[in-house]
C-alpha atoms as a PDB file:
ATOM      1  CA  UNK A   1     116.647 112.665 126.076  1.00  0.00           C
ATOM      2  CA  UNK A   2     113.253 111.452 124.820  1.00  0.00           C
ATOM      3  CA  UNK A   3     113.479 109.281 121.690  1.00  0.00           C
ATOM      4  CA  UNK A   4     110.669 109.199 119.147  1.00  0.00           C
ATOM      5  CA  UNK A   5     110.482 107.077 116.009  1.00  0.00           C
ATOM      6  CA  UNK A   6     108.275 108.704 113.350  1.00  0.00           C
ATOM      7  CA  UNK A   7     107.140 106.592 110.417  1.00  0.00           C
ATOM      8  CA  UNK A   8     105.580 108.791 107.722  1.00  0.00           C
ATOM      9  CA  UNK A   9     103.202 107.159 105.255  1.00  0.00           C
ATOM     10  CA  UNK A  10     102.873 109.448 102.261  1.00  0.00           C
ATOM     11  CA  UNK A  11     102.717 109.863  98.499  1.00  0.00           C
ATOM     12  CA  UNK A  12     104.852 112.123  96.323  1.00  0.00           C
ATOM     13  CA  UNK A  13     101.624 113.258  94.613  1.00  0.00           C
ATOM     14  CA  UNK A  14     100.070 114.408  97.910  1.00  0.00           C
ATOM     15  CA  UNK A  15     100.421 118.164  98.606  1.00  0.00           C
ATOM     16  CA  UNK A  16      99.293 117.748 102.207  1.00  0.00           C
ATOM     17  CA  UNK A  17     102.187 115.324 102.697  1.00  0.00           C
ATOM     18  CA  UNK A  18     104.666 118.068 101.800  1.00  0.00           C
ATOM     19  CA  UNK A  19     102.839 120.523 104.079  1.00  0.00           C
ATOM     20  CA  UNK A  20     102.608 117.913 106.836  1.00  0.00           C
ATOM     21  CA  UNK A  21     106.347 117.292 106.765  1.00  0.00           C
ATOM     22  CA  UNK A  22     107.143 121.028 106.868  1.00  0.00           C
ATOM     23  CA  UNK A  23     104.908 121.342 109.936  1.00  0.00           C
ATOM     24  CA  UNK A  24     106.558 118.274 111.467  1.00  0.00           C
ATOM     25  CA  UNK A  25     109.953 119.929 110.945  1.00  0.00           C
ATOM     26  CA  UNK A  26     108.755 122.950 112.907  1.00  0.00           C
ATOM     27  CA  UNK A  27     107.460 120.739 115.719  1.00  0.00           C
ATOM     28  CA  UNK A  28     110.735 118.781 115.867  1.00  0.00           C
ATOM     29  CA  UNK A  29     112.724 122.038 115.928  1.00  0.00           C
ATOM     30  CA  UNK A  30     110.689 123.254 118.921  1.00  0.00           C
ATOM     31  CA  UNK A  31     111.534 120.071 120.845  1.00  0.00           C
ATOM     32  CA  UNK A  32     115.106 119.620 119.595  1.00  0.00           C
ATOM     33  CA  UNK A  33     116.722 120.295 122.990  1.00  0.00           C
ATOM     34  CA  UNK A  34     114.823 117.456 124.730  1.00  0.00           C
ATOM     35  CA  UNK A  35     113.954 115.000 121.964  1.00  0.00           C
ATOM     36  CA  UNK A  36     115.802 112.807 119.519  1.00  0.00           C
ATOM     37  CA  UNK A  37     113.754 112.033 116.400  1.00  0.00           C
ATOM     38  CA  UNK A  38     114.206 109.250 113.858  1.00  0.00           C
ATOM     39  CA  UNK A  39     112.177 109.716 110.667  1.00  0.00           C
ATOM     40  CA  UNK A  40     111.403 106.957 108.176  1.00  0.00           C
ATOM     41  CA  UNK A  41     109.307 107.367 105.007  1.00  0.00           C
ATOM     42  CA  UNK A  42     106.883 104.737 103.710  1.00  0.00           C
ATOM     43  CA  UNK A  43     105.149 104.442 100.361  1.00  0.00           C
ATOM     44  CA  UNK A  44     101.481 105.079  99.611  1.00  0.00           C
ATOM     45  CA  UNK A  45      99.984 105.656  96.145  1.00  0.00           C
ATOM     46  CA  UNK A  46      96.932 107.896  95.825  1.00  0.00           C
ATOM     47  CA  UNK A  47      96.447 106.697  92.245  1.00  0.00           C
ATOM     48  CA  UNK A  48      98.138 103.276  91.957  1.00  0.00           C
ATOM     49  CA  UNK A  49      96.412 102.321  88.707  1.00  0.00           C
ATOM     50  CA  UNK A  50      97.538 105.478  86.875  1.00  0.00           C
ATOM     51  CA  UNK A  51      99.085 104.771  83.481  1.00  0.00           C
ATOM     52  CA  UNK A  52      99.716 106.556  80.204  1.00  0.00           C
ATOM     53  CA  UNK A  53      99.682 110.312  79.777  1.00  0.00           C
ATOM     54  CA  UNK A  54      98.925 112.492  82.771  1.00  0.00           C
ATOM     55  CA  UNK A  55      95.854 114.716  82.734  1.00  0.00           C
ATOM     56  CA  UNK A  56      95.579 118.291  84.029  1.00  0.00           C
ATOM     57  CA  UNK A  57      95.231 118.191  87.802  1.00  0.00           C
ATOM     58  CA  UNK A  58      92.194 120.456  88.310  1.00  0.00           C
ATOM     59  CA  UNK A  59      89.721 118.528  86.087  1.00  0.00           C
ATOM     60  CA  UNK A  60      91.178 115.255  87.381  1.00  0.00           C
ATOM     61  CA  UNK A  61      90.557 116.259  91.006  1.00  0.00           C
ATOM     62  CA  UNK A  62      87.101 117.646  90.170  1.00  0.00           C
ATOM     63  CA  UNK A  63      86.159 114.292  88.647  1.00  0.00           C
ATOM     64  CA  UNK A  64      87.656 112.302  91.521  1.00  0.00           C
ATOM     65  CA  UNK A  65      85.886 114.263  94.281  1.00  0.00           C
ATOM     66  CA  UNK A  66      82.692 115.182  92.444  1.00  0.00           C
ATOM     67  CA  UNK A  67      83.377 118.908  92.772  1.00  0.00           C
ATOM     68  CA  UNK A  68      83.700 121.760  90.276  1.00  0.00           C
ATOM     69  CA  UNK A  69      87.040 122.847  88.833  1.00  0.00           C
ATOM     70  CA  UNK A  70      86.584 126.247  90.488  1.00  0.00           C
ATOM     71  CA  UNK A  71      86.218 124.578  93.896  1.00  0.00           C
ATOM     72  CA  UNK A  72      89.364 122.556  93.237  1.00  0.00           C
ATOM     73  CA  UNK A  73      91.240 125.675  92.123  1.00  0.00           C
ATOM     74  CA  UNK A  74      90.267 127.446  95.344  1.00  0.00           C
ATOM     75  CA  UNK A  75      91.335 124.467  97.463  1.00  0.00           C
ATOM     76  CA  UNK A  76      94.683 124.318  95.663  1.00  0.00           C
ATOM     77  CA  UNK A  77      95.136 128.091  96.072  1.00  0.00           C
ATOM     78  CA  UNK A  78      94.620 127.717  99.819  1.00  0.00           C
ATOM     79  CA  UNK A  79      97.307 125.019  99.894  1.00  0.00           C
ATOM     80  CA  UNK A  80      99.673 127.282  97.935  1.00  0.00           C
ATOM     81  CA  UNK A  81      99.224 130.003 100.575  1.00  0.00           C
ATOM     82  CA  UNK A  82      99.898 127.562 103.433  1.00  0.00           C
ATOM     83  CA  UNK A  83     102.958 126.154 101.639  1.00  0.00           C
ATOM     84  CA  UNK A  84     104.397 129.607 101.000  1.00  0.00           C
ATOM     85  CA  UNK A  85     104.175 130.460 104.707  1.00  0.00           C
ATOM     86  CA  UNK A  86     106.093 127.235 105.448  1.00  0.00           C
ATOM     87  CA  UNK A  87     108.762 127.931 102.835  1.00  0.00           C
ATOM     88  CA  UNK A  88     107.631 125.065 100.586  1.00  0.00           C
ATOM     89  CA  UNK A  89     107.578 125.630  96.809  1.00  0.00           C
ATOM     90  CA  UNK A  90     104.057 125.032  95.444  1.00  0.00           C
ATOM     91  CA  UNK A  91     104.377 127.530  92.563  1.00  0.00           C
ATOM     92  CA  UNK A  92     103.120 125.088  89.892  1.00  0.00           C
ATOM     93  CA  UNK A  93     100.645 123.169  92.050  1.00  0.00           C
ATOM     94  CA  UNK A  94      97.727 123.892  89.702  1.00  0.00           C
ATOM     95  CA  UNK A  95      99.730 123.330  86.503  1.00  0.00           C
ATOM     96  CA  UNK A  96     100.887 119.771  87.167  1.00  0.00           C
ATOM     97  CA  UNK A  97      99.513 116.655  85.510  1.00  0.00           C
ATOM     98  CA  UNK A  98      98.456 113.465  87.256  1.00  0.00           C
ATOM     99  CA  UNK A  99     101.325 110.974  87.496  1.00  0.00           C
ATOM    100  CA  UNK A 100     102.178 107.465  88.589  1.00  0.00           C
ATOM    101  CA  UNK A 101     104.547 107.617  91.582  1.00  0.00           C
ATOM    102  CA  UNK A 102     105.657 103.975  91.900  1.00  0.00           C
ATOM    103  CA  UNK A 103     109.151 104.480  90.445  1.00  0.00           C
ATOM    104  CA  UNK A 104     109.609 107.637  92.517  1.00  0.00           C
ATOM    105  CA  UNK A 105     108.845 105.589  95.643  1.00  0.00           C
ATOM    106  CA  UNK A 106     111.445 103.027  94.555  1.00  0.00           C
ATOM    107  CA  UNK A 107     114.031 105.805  94.296  1.00  0.00           C
ATOM    108  CA  UNK A 108     113.150 107.025  97.802  1.00  0.00           C
ATOM    109  CA  UNK A 109     113.925 103.495  99.050  1.00  0.00           C
ATOM    110  CA  UNK A 110     117.225 103.537  97.161  1.00  0.00           C
ATOM    111  CA  UNK A 111     118.105 107.003  98.522  1.00  0.00           C
ATOM    112  CA  UNK A 112     117.463 105.708 102.048  1.00  0.00           C
ATOM    113  CA  UNK A 113     120.454 103.397 101.603  1.00  0.00           C
ATOM    114  CA  UNK A 114     122.589 106.494 100.902  1.00  0.00           C
ATOM    115  CA  UNK A 115     121.198 108.314 103.965  1.00  0.00           C
ATOM    116  CA  UNK A 116     119.267 110.704 101.691  1.00  0.00           C
ATOM    117  CA  UNK A 117     115.696 109.473 102.028  1.00  0.00           C
ATOM    118  CA  UNK A 118     114.180 112.714 103.303  1.00  0.00           C
ATOM    119  CA  UNK A 119     116.212 114.811 100.856  1.00  0.00           C
ATOM    120  CA  UNK A 120     114.974 112.658  97.958  1.00  0.00           C
ATOM    121  CA  UNK A 121     111.380 112.984  99.097  1.00  0.00           C
ATOM    122  CA  UNK A 122     111.731 116.773  99.284  1.00  0.00           C
ATOM    123  CA  UNK A 123     113.401 116.925  95.853  1.00  0.00           C
ATOM    124  CA  UNK A 124     110.440 115.012  94.414  1.00  0.00           C
ATOM    125  CA  UNK A 125     107.930 117.330  96.118  1.00  0.00           C
ATOM    126  CA  UNK A 126     109.841 120.302  94.680  1.00  0.00           C
ATOM    127  CA  UNK A 127     109.871 118.779  91.167  1.00  0.00           C
ATOM    128  CA  UNK A 128     106.149 117.974  91.191  1.00  0.00           C
ATOM    129  CA  UNK A 129     104.574 120.853  93.109  1.00  0.00           C
ATOM    130  CA  UNK A 130     107.174 123.533  92.506  1.00  0.00           C
ATOM    131  CA  UNK A 131     108.008 122.851  88.861  1.00  0.00           C
ATOM    132  CA  UNK A 132     105.077 120.701  87.612  1.00  0.00           C
ATOM    133  CA  UNK A 133     107.526 118.104  86.287  1.00  0.00           C
ATOM    134  CA  UNK A 134     106.389 114.563  85.444  1.00  0.00           C
ATOM    135  CA  UNK A 135     107.579 112.483  88.401  1.00  0.00           C
ATOM    136  CA  UNK A 136     106.925 109.269  86.470  1.00  0.00           C
ATOM    137  CA  UNK A 137     109.531 110.282  83.844  1.00  0.00           C
ATOM    138  CA  UNK A 138     112.895 108.566  84.488  1.00  0.00           C
ATOM    139  CA  UNK A 139     114.804 111.644  83.312  1.00  0.00           C
ATOM    140  CA  UNK A 140     112.956 113.863  85.803  1.00  0.00           C
ATOM    141  CA  UNK A 141     113.695 111.346  88.553  1.00  0.00           C
ATOM    142  CA  UNK A 142     117.379 111.248  87.589  1.00  0.00           C
ATOM    143  CA  UNK A 143     117.419 115.053  87.681  1.00  0.00           C
ATOM    144  CA  UNK A 144     116.267 114.856  91.314  1.00  0.00           C
ATOM    145  CA  UNK A 145     119.049 112.343  92.000  1.00  0.00           C
ATOM    146  CA  UNK A 146     121.636 114.724  90.538  1.00  0.00           C
ATOM    147  CA  UNK A 147     120.407 117.675  92.629  1.00  0.00           C
ATOM    148  CA  UNK A 148     121.284 115.617  95.720  1.00  0.00           C
ATOM    149  CA  UNK A 149     124.728 114.732  94.416  1.00  0.00           C
ATOM    150  CA  UNK A 150     123.863 111.033  94.263  1.00  0.00           C
ATOM    151  CA  UNK A 151     125.038 108.700  91.493  1.00  0.00           C
ATOM    152  CA  UNK A 152     122.681 108.986  88.476  1.00  0.00           C
ATOM    153  CA  UNK A 153     124.153 105.866  86.825  1.00  0.00           C
ATOM    154  CA  UNK A 154     123.315 103.795  89.897  1.00  0.00           C
ATOM    155  CA  UNK A 155     119.840 105.353  90.070  1.00  0.00           C
ATOM    156  CA  UNK A 156     119.262 104.564  86.388  1.00  0.00           C
ATOM    157  CA  UNK A 157     120.097 100.913  87.081  1.00  0.00           C
ATOM    158  CA  UNK A 158     117.460 100.922  89.812  1.00  0.00           C
ATOM    159  CA  UNK A 159     114.844 102.450  87.492  1.00  0.00           C
ATOM    160  CA  UNK A 160     115.624 100.008  84.681  1.00  0.00           C
ATOM    161  CA  UNK A 161     115.244  97.034  87.015  1.00  0.00           C
ATOM    162  CA  UNK A 162     112.603  96.036  89.539  1.00  0.00           C
ATOM    163  CA  UNK A 163     114.812  96.876  92.516  1.00  0.00           C
ATOM    164  CA  UNK A 164     112.860  98.061  95.585  1.00  0.00           C
ATOM    165  CA  UNK A 165     109.525  97.236  93.907  1.00  0.00           C
ATOM    166  CA  UNK A 166     108.839  94.551  96.520  1.00  0.00           C
ATOM    167  CA  UNK A 167     109.748  96.972  99.339  1.00  0.00           C
ATOM    168  CA  UNK A 168     107.301  99.590  98.022  1.00  0.00           C
ATOM    169  CA  UNK A 169     104.505  97.021  97.681  1.00  0.00           C
ATOM    170  CA  UNK A 170     105.249  95.695 101.149  1.00  0.00           C
ATOM    171  CA  UNK A 171     104.920  99.213 102.599  1.00  0.00           C
ATOM    172  CA  UNK A 172     101.595  99.699 100.850  1.00  0.00           C
ATOM    173  CA  UNK A 173     100.231  96.339 102.010  1.00  0.00           C
ATOM    174  CA  UNK A 174     101.484  96.809 105.593  1.00  0.00           C
ATOM    175  CA  UNK A 175      99.916 100.216 106.135  1.00  0.00           C
ATOM    176  CA  UNK A 176      96.721  99.399 104.260  1.00  0.00           C
ATOM    177  CA  UNK A 177      96.324  96.416 106.582  1.00  0.00           C
ATOM    178  CA  UNK A 178      97.012  98.698 109.561  1.00  0.00           C
ATOM    179  CA  UNK A 179      94.054 100.850 108.479  1.00  0.00           C
ATOM    180  CA  UNK A 180      95.860 103.778 106.842  1.00  0.00           C
ATOM    181  CA  UNK A 181      93.535 104.934 104.067  1.00  0.00           C
ATOM    182  CA  UNK A 182      94.596 108.568 103.678  1.00  0.00           C
ATOM    183  CA  UNK A 183      97.893 110.424 103.860  1.00  0.00           C
ATOM    184  CA  UNK A 184      99.918 111.851 105.421  1.00  0.00           C
ATOM    185  CA  UNK A 185      99.837 109.451 108.350  1.00  0.00           C
ATOM    186  CA  UNK A 186     102.421 109.682 111.119  1.00  0.00           C
ATOM    187  CA  UNK A 187     102.971 106.592 113.242  1.00  0.00           C
ATOM    188  CA  UNK A 188     104.818 107.409 116.456  1.00  0.00           C
ATOM    189  CA  UNK A 189     106.898 104.699 118.154  1.00  0.00           C
ATOM    190  CA  UNK A 190     105.094 102.138 115.972  1.00  0.00           C
ATOM    191  CA  UNK A 191     102.054 102.560 118.201  1.00  0.00           C
ATOM    192  CA  UNK A 192     100.300 105.940 117.918  1.00  0.00           C
ATOM    193  CA  UNK A 193      98.695 107.210 114.704  1.00  0.00           C
ATOM    194  CA  UNK A 194      98.430 110.920 113.886  1.00  0.00           C
ATOM    195  CA  UNK A 195      96.436 111.479 110.697  1.00  0.00           C
ATOM    196  CA  UNK A 196      96.678 114.479 108.397  1.00  0.00           C
ATOM    197  CA  UNK A 197      98.910 117.548 108.136  1.00  0.00           C
ATOM    198  CA  UNK A 198      98.482 118.715 111.734  1.00  0.00           C
ATOM    199  CA  UNK A 199      99.683 122.126 112.940  1.00  0.00           C
ATOM    200  CA  UNK A 200     103.102 122.145 114.687  1.00  0.00           C
ATOM    201  CA  UNK A 201     101.590 122.895 118.106  1.00  0.00           C
ATOM    202  CA  UNK A 202      99.263 119.862 117.800  1.00  0.00           C
ATOM    203  CA  UNK A 203     102.258 117.664 117.007  1.00  0.00           C
ATOM    204  CA  UNK A 204     104.315 119.102 119.881  1.00  0.00           C
ATOM    205  CA  UNK A 205     101.498 118.360 122.346  1.00  0.00           C
ATOM    206  CA  UNK A 206     101.059 114.848 120.932  1.00  0.00           C
ATOM    207  CA  UNK A 207     104.779 114.094 121.211  1.00  0.00           C
ATOM    208  CA  UNK A 208     104.871 115.353 124.793  1.00  0.00           C
ATOM    209  CA  UNK A 209     101.817 113.284 125.724  1.00  0.00           C
ATOM    210  CA  UNK A 210     103.283 110.147 124.100  1.00  0.00           C
ATOM    211  CA  UNK A 211     106.585 110.623 125.937  1.00  0.00           C
ATOM    212  CA  UNK A 212     104.814 111.196 129.245  1.00  0.00           C
ATOM    213  CA  UNK A 213     102.805 108.014 128.783  1.00  0.00           C
ATOM    214  CA  UNK A 214     105.933 106.014 127.963  1.00  0.00           C
ATOM    215  CA  UNK A 215     107.834 107.378 130.980  1.00  0.00           C
END
């Protein structure tokens, strides 16, 4: 049995991260009979200085990338089509507001201790892209906790403290130093970097090549 450790550097506010993970799931399913995968999520903030009220996503993206709102709408529509084919809910992708994701990342760290890290990440993707909820709002975050059957009182204690803040900042510093400047980024066996939301067949080939090299 080939063993692969996959460290995923991603942000909750990154649609390609949700798409990238869905494609990764397909790749892992194709190799399930011969490979054992361990997946670990790591924090990255696309907009770390975000504060105050969120702004509508299309004008915000247009301003950030120097493009028109129509171009941004088309790009988001394309992502919605891709997500739908993968079974990922992007229904409200164009209706969301910008948001700070630091506390959401802290909750992902907390959920990891309950063995629910991936489930928490997916619940946050669903809340933000599927429902256009404010993922910086503690009540929205606690709603995600409840959907997983985790303890909302314990999660509230985390949110009202600075628990896991150092772990999130350490992730960000570690991967920034390692040269990760865009997400998703998949680091395989702590050695090989695969950037972007690659198609399942690209990932399958990469995993096979990495295993062959390690053999």
